[in-house]
Amino acid sequence: MKILRENLGLALICLSLIAAAVWGIVEAFTTRIELNIDGILMVCVGLLIGGLFSLMLFVIAREQGWLPTRHKQSESAATTASTETPRASMPAAPKTAAPSSAQSKSPAQEAR
């Protein structure tokens, strides 16, 4: 119960900061300061704060199970599906041996 209360508190903080960021962006456009440096900075800070706290709210909601999760296929179904799909027939590239360290040294390096 304590963890749920803490996560609800964090979600409420995230929601209030998202609302403040949206309010700041709207205020920048309603007062027509978006065309000078103050307005540009106000919009950028609002987008940054809104984006970060939206991401944090999304993470909290996924951890608590408030959002539905996708059901992944079981491993056996995934392996049978991958083996059933034929690969495109491409000729294998010839393997070339990597040059040895003795062959790649120049005469000046060998003299050292």
N, C-alpha and C. Protein backbone atom coordinates (compact mmCIF):
# COMPACT_ATOMS: atom_id res chain seq x y z
N MET A 1 0.82 -1.19 0.00
CA MET A 1 0.00 0.00 0.00
C MET A 1 0.87 1.26 0.00
N LYS A 2 2.01 1.16 0.71
CA LYS A 2 2.90 2.32 0.78
C LYS A 2 3.51 2.63 -0.58
N ILE A 3 3.88 1.58 -1.34
CA ILE A 3 4.47 1.79 -2.66
C ILE A 3 3.46 2.40 -3.62
N LEU A 4 2.21 1.96 -3.54
CA LEU A 4 1.16 2.52 -4.39
C LEU A 4 0.95 3.99 -4.07
N ARG A 5 0.98 4.34 -2.78
CA ARG A 5 0.80 5.73 -2.39
C ARG A 5 1.96 6.59 -2.89
N GLU A 6 3.19 6.05 -2.82
CA GLU A 6 4.35 6.79 -3.32
C GLU A 6 4.26 7.00 -4.83
N ASN A 7 3.84 5.96 -5.55
CA ASN A 7 3.74 6.09 -7.01
C ASN A 7 2.60 7.02 -7.41
N LEU A 8 1.51 7.03 -6.64
CA LEU A 8 0.44 7.99 -6.93
C LEU A 8 0.92 9.42 -6.68
N GLY A 9 1.74 9.61 -5.67
CA GLY A 9 2.31 10.93 -5.41
C GLY A 9 3.24 11.37 -6.53
N LEU A 10 4.07 10.44 -7.01
CA LEU A 10 4.97 10.76 -8.13
C LEU A 10 4.17 11.06 -9.40
N ALA A 11 3.10 10.30 -9.63
CA ALA A 11 2.26 10.55 -10.81
C ALA A 11 1.59 11.90 -10.71
N LEU A 12 1.16 12.29 -9.51
CA LEU A 12 0.53 13.60 -9.33
C LEU A 12 1.52 14.73 -9.57
N ILE A 13 2.76 14.55 -9.11
CA ILE A 13 3.80 15.56 -9.35
C ILE A 13 4.08 15.67 -10.85
N CYS A 14 4.18 14.53 -11.52
CA CYS A 14 4.42 14.54 -12.97
C CYS A 14 3.28 15.25 -13.70
N LEU A 15 2.05 14.93 -13.33
CA LEU A 15 0.90 15.56 -13.98
C LEU A 15 0.87 17.08 -13.75
N SER A 16 1.20 17.51 -12.54
CA SER A 16 1.19 18.95 -12.27
C SER A 16 2.29 19.68 -13.05
N LEU A 17 3.46 19.06 -13.19
CA LEU A 17 4.53 19.70 -13.95
C LEU A 17 4.24 19.68 -15.46
N ILE A 18 3.58 18.64 -15.94
CA ILE A 18 3.17 18.61 -17.34
C ILE A 18 2.15 19.71 -17.60
N ALA A 19 1.21 19.87 -16.67
CA ALA A 19 0.20 20.93 -16.82
C ALA A 19 0.85 22.31 -16.80
N ALA A 20 1.84 22.50 -15.92
CA ALA A 20 2.54 23.79 -15.86
C ALA A 20 3.32 24.05 -17.15
N ALA A 21 3.90 23.02 -17.72
CA ALA A 21 4.65 23.18 -18.97
C ALA A 21 3.71 23.54 -20.11
N VAL A 22 2.57 22.87 -20.18
CA VAL A 22 1.60 23.19 -21.23
C VAL A 22 1.07 24.60 -21.04
N TRP A 23 0.82 24.99 -19.79
CA TRP A 23 0.34 26.34 -19.51
C TRP A 23 1.38 27.38 -19.94
N GLY A 24 2.66 27.11 -19.70
CA GLY A 24 3.72 28.02 -20.11
C GLY A 24 3.80 28.16 -21.62
N ILE A 25 3.64 27.06 -22.35
CA ILE A 25 3.66 27.11 -23.81
C ILE A 25 2.47 27.90 -24.34
N VAL A 26 1.30 27.65 -23.77
CA VAL A 26 0.10 28.39 -24.20
C VAL A 26 0.25 29.86 -23.87
N GLU A 27 0.80 30.16 -22.72
CA GLU A 27 1.00 31.56 -22.31
C GLU A 27 1.97 32.27 -23.25
N ALA A 28 2.99 31.57 -23.72
CA ALA A 28 3.94 32.18 -24.65
C ALA A 28 3.26 32.56 -25.95
N PHE A 29 2.33 31.74 -26.41
CA PHE A 29 1.64 32.06 -27.67
C PHE A 29 0.54 33.09 -27.49
N THR A 30 -0.13 33.09 -26.34
CA THR A 30 -1.20 34.07 -26.14
C THR A 30 -0.66 35.48 -25.91
N THR A 31 0.52 35.60 -25.32
CA THR A 31 1.10 36.93 -25.11
C THR A 31 1.98 37.36 -26.27
N ARG A 32 2.08 36.52 -27.30
CA ARG A 32 2.84 36.81 -28.51
C ARG A 32 4.31 37.13 -28.26
N ILE A 33 4.91 36.40 -27.33
CA ILE A 33 6.36 36.58 -27.12
C ILE A 33 7.15 35.44 -27.75
N GLU A 34 6.47 34.57 -28.54
CA GLU A 34 7.17 33.42 -29.11
C GLU A 34 8.16 33.81 -30.19
N LEU A 35 8.11 35.04 -30.68
CA LEU A 35 9.00 35.44 -31.76
C LEU A 35 10.30 36.08 -31.29
N ASN A 36 10.43 36.34 -30.00
CA ASN A 36 11.71 36.86 -29.52
C ASN A 36 12.40 35.79 -28.68
N ILE A 37 13.56 36.08 -28.14
CA ILE A 37 14.36 35.08 -27.45
C ILE A 37 13.67 34.58 -26.19
N ASP A 38 12.95 35.45 -25.49
CA ASP A 38 12.24 35.01 -24.28
C ASP A 38 11.17 33.99 -24.61
N GLY A 39 10.44 34.22 -25.67
CA GLY A 39 9.39 33.29 -26.06
C GLY A 39 9.93 31.97 -26.54
N ILE A 40 11.02 32.04 -27.31
CA ILE A 40 11.64 30.81 -27.81
C ILE A 40 12.15 29.96 -26.63
N LEU A 41 12.80 30.61 -25.67
CA LEU A 41 13.30 29.88 -24.51
C LEU A 41 12.15 29.34 -23.67
N MET A 42 11.07 30.10 -23.53
CA MET A 42 9.92 29.64 -22.75
C MET A 42 9.28 28.42 -23.40
N VAL A 43 9.15 28.43 -24.72
CA VAL A 43 8.57 27.28 -25.43
C VAL A 43 9.50 26.08 -25.33
N CYS A 44 10.80 26.30 -25.49
CA CYS A 44 11.75 25.18 -25.41
C CYS A 44 11.79 24.56 -24.02
N VAL A 45 11.79 25.38 -22.99
CA VAL A 45 11.78 24.86 -21.63
C VAL A 45 10.47 24.12 -21.35
N GLY A 46 9.37 24.67 -21.83
CA GLY A 46 8.08 23.99 -21.65
C GLY A 46 8.06 22.64 -22.34
N LEU A 47 8.59 22.56 -23.56
CA LEU A 47 8.65 21.28 -24.26
C LEU A 47 9.57 20.29 -23.56
N LEU A 48 10.69 20.78 -23.06
CA LEU A 48 11.63 19.92 -22.36
C LEU A 48 11.03 19.36 -21.08
N ILE A 49 10.47 20.22 -20.27
CA ILE A 49 9.87 19.78 -19.00
C ILE A 49 8.68 18.88 -19.27
N GLY A 50 7.83 19.26 -20.20
CA GLY A 50 6.67 18.44 -20.53
C GLY A 50 7.07 17.07 -21.06
N GLY A 51 8.08 17.02 -21.91
CA GLY A 51 8.52 15.76 -22.47
C GLY A 51 9.15 14.84 -21.43
N LEU A 52 10.00 15.40 -20.58
CA LEU A 52 10.66 14.58 -19.56
C LEU A 52 9.67 14.01 -18.56
N PHE A 53 8.75 14.84 -18.09
CA PHE A 53 7.81 14.36 -17.10
C PHE A 53 6.72 13.49 -17.72
N SER A 54 6.43 13.65 -19.01
CA SER A 54 5.52 12.73 -19.69
C SER A 54 6.16 11.35 -19.79
N LEU A 55 7.45 11.32 -20.11
CA LEU A 55 8.17 10.06 -20.17
C LEU A 55 8.20 9.39 -18.80
N MET A 56 8.44 10.16 -17.76
CA MET A 56 8.47 9.60 -16.40
C MET A 56 7.10 9.08 -16.00
N LEU A 57 6.04 9.79 -16.36
CA LEU A 57 4.69 9.33 -16.05
C LEU A 57 4.38 8.04 -16.80
N PHE A 58 4.85 7.93 -18.04
CA PHE A 58 4.67 6.71 -18.82
C PHE A 58 5.38 5.53 -18.16
N VAL A 59 6.59 5.75 -17.68
CA VAL A 59 7.35 4.68 -17.02
C VAL A 59 6.64 4.24 -15.74
N ILE A 60 6.16 5.18 -14.95
CA ILE A 60 5.45 4.85 -13.71
C ILE A 60 4.19 4.06 -14.03
N ALA A 61 3.46 4.49 -15.05
CA ALA A 61 2.22 3.81 -15.41
C ALA A 61 2.48 2.39 -15.90
N ARG A 62 3.56 2.18 -16.63
CA ARG A 62 3.88 0.82 -17.08
C ARG A 62 4.30 -0.07 -15.92
N GLU A 63 5.07 0.47 -14.98
CA GLU A 63 5.50 -0.32 -13.83
C GLU A 63 4.33 -0.72 -12.95
N GLN A 64 3.35 0.15 -12.81
CA GLN A 64 2.20 -0.13 -11.96
C GLN A 64 1.14 -0.97 -12.64
N GLY A 65 1.26 -1.15 -13.95
CA GLY A 65 0.27 -1.94 -14.67
C GLY A 65 -0.96 -1.15 -15.07
N TRP A 66 -0.87 0.17 -15.04
CA TRP A 66 -2.00 1.01 -15.44
C TRP A 66 -2.18 0.99 -16.95
N LEU A 67 -1.13 0.70 -17.68
CA LEU A 67 -1.19 0.60 -19.13
C LEU A 67 -1.13 -0.87 -19.53
N PRO A 68 -1.88 -1.26 -20.54
CA PRO A 68 -1.79 -2.67 -20.96
C PRO A 68 -0.45 -2.94 -21.62
N THR A 69 0.06 -4.14 -21.39
CA THR A 69 1.32 -4.53 -21.99
C THR A 69 1.06 -5.48 -23.15
N ARG A 70 1.96 -5.48 -24.09
CA ARG A 70 1.84 -6.40 -25.22
C ARG A 70 2.23 -7.80 -24.78
N HIS A 71 1.51 -8.77 -25.26
CA HIS A 71 1.84 -10.16 -24.95
C HIS A 71 2.85 -10.65 -25.98
N LYS A 72 3.99 -11.09 -25.51
CA LYS A 72 5.03 -11.59 -26.40
C LYS A 72 4.75 -13.05 -26.70
N GLN A 73 5.21 -13.48 -27.87
CA GLN A 73 5.06 -14.88 -28.23
C GLN A 73 5.97 -15.72 -27.36
N SER A 74 5.56 -16.95 -27.13
CA SER A 74 6.42 -17.84 -26.36
C SER A 74 7.65 -18.18 -27.20
N GLU A 75 8.69 -18.63 -26.54
CA GLU A 75 9.94 -18.90 -27.26
C GLU A 75 9.77 -20.02 -28.28
N SER A 76 8.97 -21.02 -27.95
CA SER A 76 8.81 -22.13 -28.90
C SER A 76 8.07 -21.68 -30.15
N ALA A 77 7.07 -20.83 -29.98
CA ALA A 77 6.35 -20.32 -31.15
C ALA A 77 7.24 -19.40 -31.97
N ALA A 78 8.09 -18.65 -31.31
CA ALA A 78 8.98 -17.73 -32.02
C ALA A 78 10.03 -18.50 -32.81
N THR A 79 10.55 -19.59 -32.24
CA THR A 79 11.57 -20.35 -32.96
C THR A 79 10.98 -21.10 -34.13
N THR A 80 9.76 -21.63 -33.99
CA THR A 80 9.16 -22.33 -35.12
C THR A 80 8.79 -21.35 -36.22
N ALA A 81 8.39 -20.15 -35.85
CA ALA A 81 8.06 -19.16 -36.87
C ALA A 81 9.31 -18.71 -37.61
N SER A 82 10.43 -18.62 -36.90
CA SER A 82 11.66 -18.17 -37.57
C SER A 82 12.24 -19.26 -38.45
N THR A 83 12.04 -20.54 -38.10
CA THR A 83 12.58 -21.60 -38.93
C THR A 83 11.70 -21.87 -40.14
N GLU A 84 10.42 -21.53 -40.06
CA GLU A 84 9.52 -21.77 -41.18
C GLU A 84 9.71 -20.78 -42.31
N THR A 85 10.15 -19.58 -42.01
CA THR A 85 10.33 -18.57 -43.05
C THR A 85 11.64 -18.83 -43.77
N PRO A 86 11.60 -19.08 -45.07
CA PRO A 86 12.84 -19.37 -45.80
C PRO A 86 13.66 -18.10 -45.99
N ARG A 87 14.95 -18.27 -45.92
CA ARG A 87 15.85 -17.14 -46.14
C ARG A 87 16.08 -16.98 -47.63
N ALA A 88 16.36 -15.80 -48.04
CA ALA A 88 16.64 -15.54 -49.45
C ALA A 88 17.94 -16.25 -49.82
N SER A 89 17.91 -16.89 -50.97
CA SER A 89 19.10 -17.66 -51.37
C SER A 89 20.12 -16.69 -51.96
N MET A 90 21.14 -16.44 -51.17
CA MET A 90 22.23 -15.57 -51.60
C MET A 90 23.51 -16.37 -51.49
N PRO A 91 24.38 -16.26 -52.47
CA PRO A 91 25.64 -16.99 -52.36
C PRO A 91 26.47 -16.43 -51.21
N ALA A 92 27.13 -17.33 -50.54
CA ALA A 92 27.96 -16.91 -49.42
C ALA A 92 29.19 -16.18 -49.94
N ALA A 93 29.54 -15.13 -49.25
CA ALA A 93 30.71 -14.35 -49.64
C ALA A 93 31.96 -15.13 -49.25
N PRO A 94 32.97 -15.12 -50.09
CA PRO A 94 34.20 -15.85 -49.74
C PRO A 94 34.87 -15.17 -48.56
N LYS A 95 35.34 -16.01 -47.66
CA LYS A 95 36.00 -15.48 -46.47
C LYS A 95 37.46 -15.19 -46.80
N THR A 96 37.90 -14.02 -46.40
CA THR A 96 39.30 -13.66 -46.61
C THR A 96 39.99 -13.66 -45.26
N ALA A 97 41.20 -14.13 -45.25
CA ALA A 97 41.95 -14.18 -44.01
C ALA A 97 42.45 -12.78 -43.67
N ALA A 98 42.41 -12.48 -42.39
CA ALA A 98 42.92 -11.20 -41.94
C ALA A 98 44.43 -11.20 -42.04
N PRO A 99 45.03 -10.09 -42.44
CA PRO A 99 46.49 -10.06 -42.55
C PRO A 99 47.11 -10.21 -41.17
N SER A 100 48.18 -10.98 -41.13
CA SER A 100 48.85 -11.17 -39.84
C SER A 100 49.61 -9.90 -39.49
N SER A 101 49.97 -9.82 -38.24
CA SER A 101 50.65 -8.60 -37.79
C SER A 101 52.03 -8.46 -38.44
N ALA A 102 52.67 -9.58 -38.79
CA ALA A 102 53.99 -9.51 -39.42
C ALA A 102 53.88 -8.98 -40.85
N GLN A 103 52.81 -9.30 -41.54
CA GLN A 103 52.65 -8.85 -42.91
C GLN A 103 52.24 -7.39 -42.98
N SER A 104 51.54 -6.90 -41.97
CA SER A 104 51.03 -5.54 -42.05
C SER A 104 52.03 -4.49 -41.59
N LYS A 105 53.17 -4.91 -41.03
CA LYS A 105 54.15 -3.92 -40.55
C LYS A 105 54.97 -3.42 -41.72
N SER A 106 55.25 -2.17 -41.70
CA SER A 106 56.11 -1.59 -42.74
C SER A 106 57.56 -1.82 -42.35
N PRO A 107 58.50 -1.68 -43.29
CA PRO A 107 59.92 -1.89 -42.98
C PRO A 107 60.41 -0.91 -41.90
N ALA A 108 59.87 0.29 -41.86
CA ALA A 108 60.30 1.25 -40.84
C ALA A 108 59.88 0.80 -39.44
N GLN A 109 58.72 0.15 -39.33
CA GLN A 109 58.26 -0.33 -38.04
C GLN A 109 59.04 -1.55 -37.60
N GLU A 110 59.49 -2.39 -38.55
CA GLU A 110 60.25 -3.56 -38.20
C GLU A 110 61.64 -3.21 -37.72
N ALA A 111 62.18 -2.08 -38.17
CA ALA A 111 63.53 -1.69 -37.79
C ALA A 111 63.58 -1.26 -36.33
N ARG A 112 62.48 -0.90 -35.76
CA ARG A 112 62.46 -0.44 -34.36
C ARG A 112 62.65 -1.58 -33.51
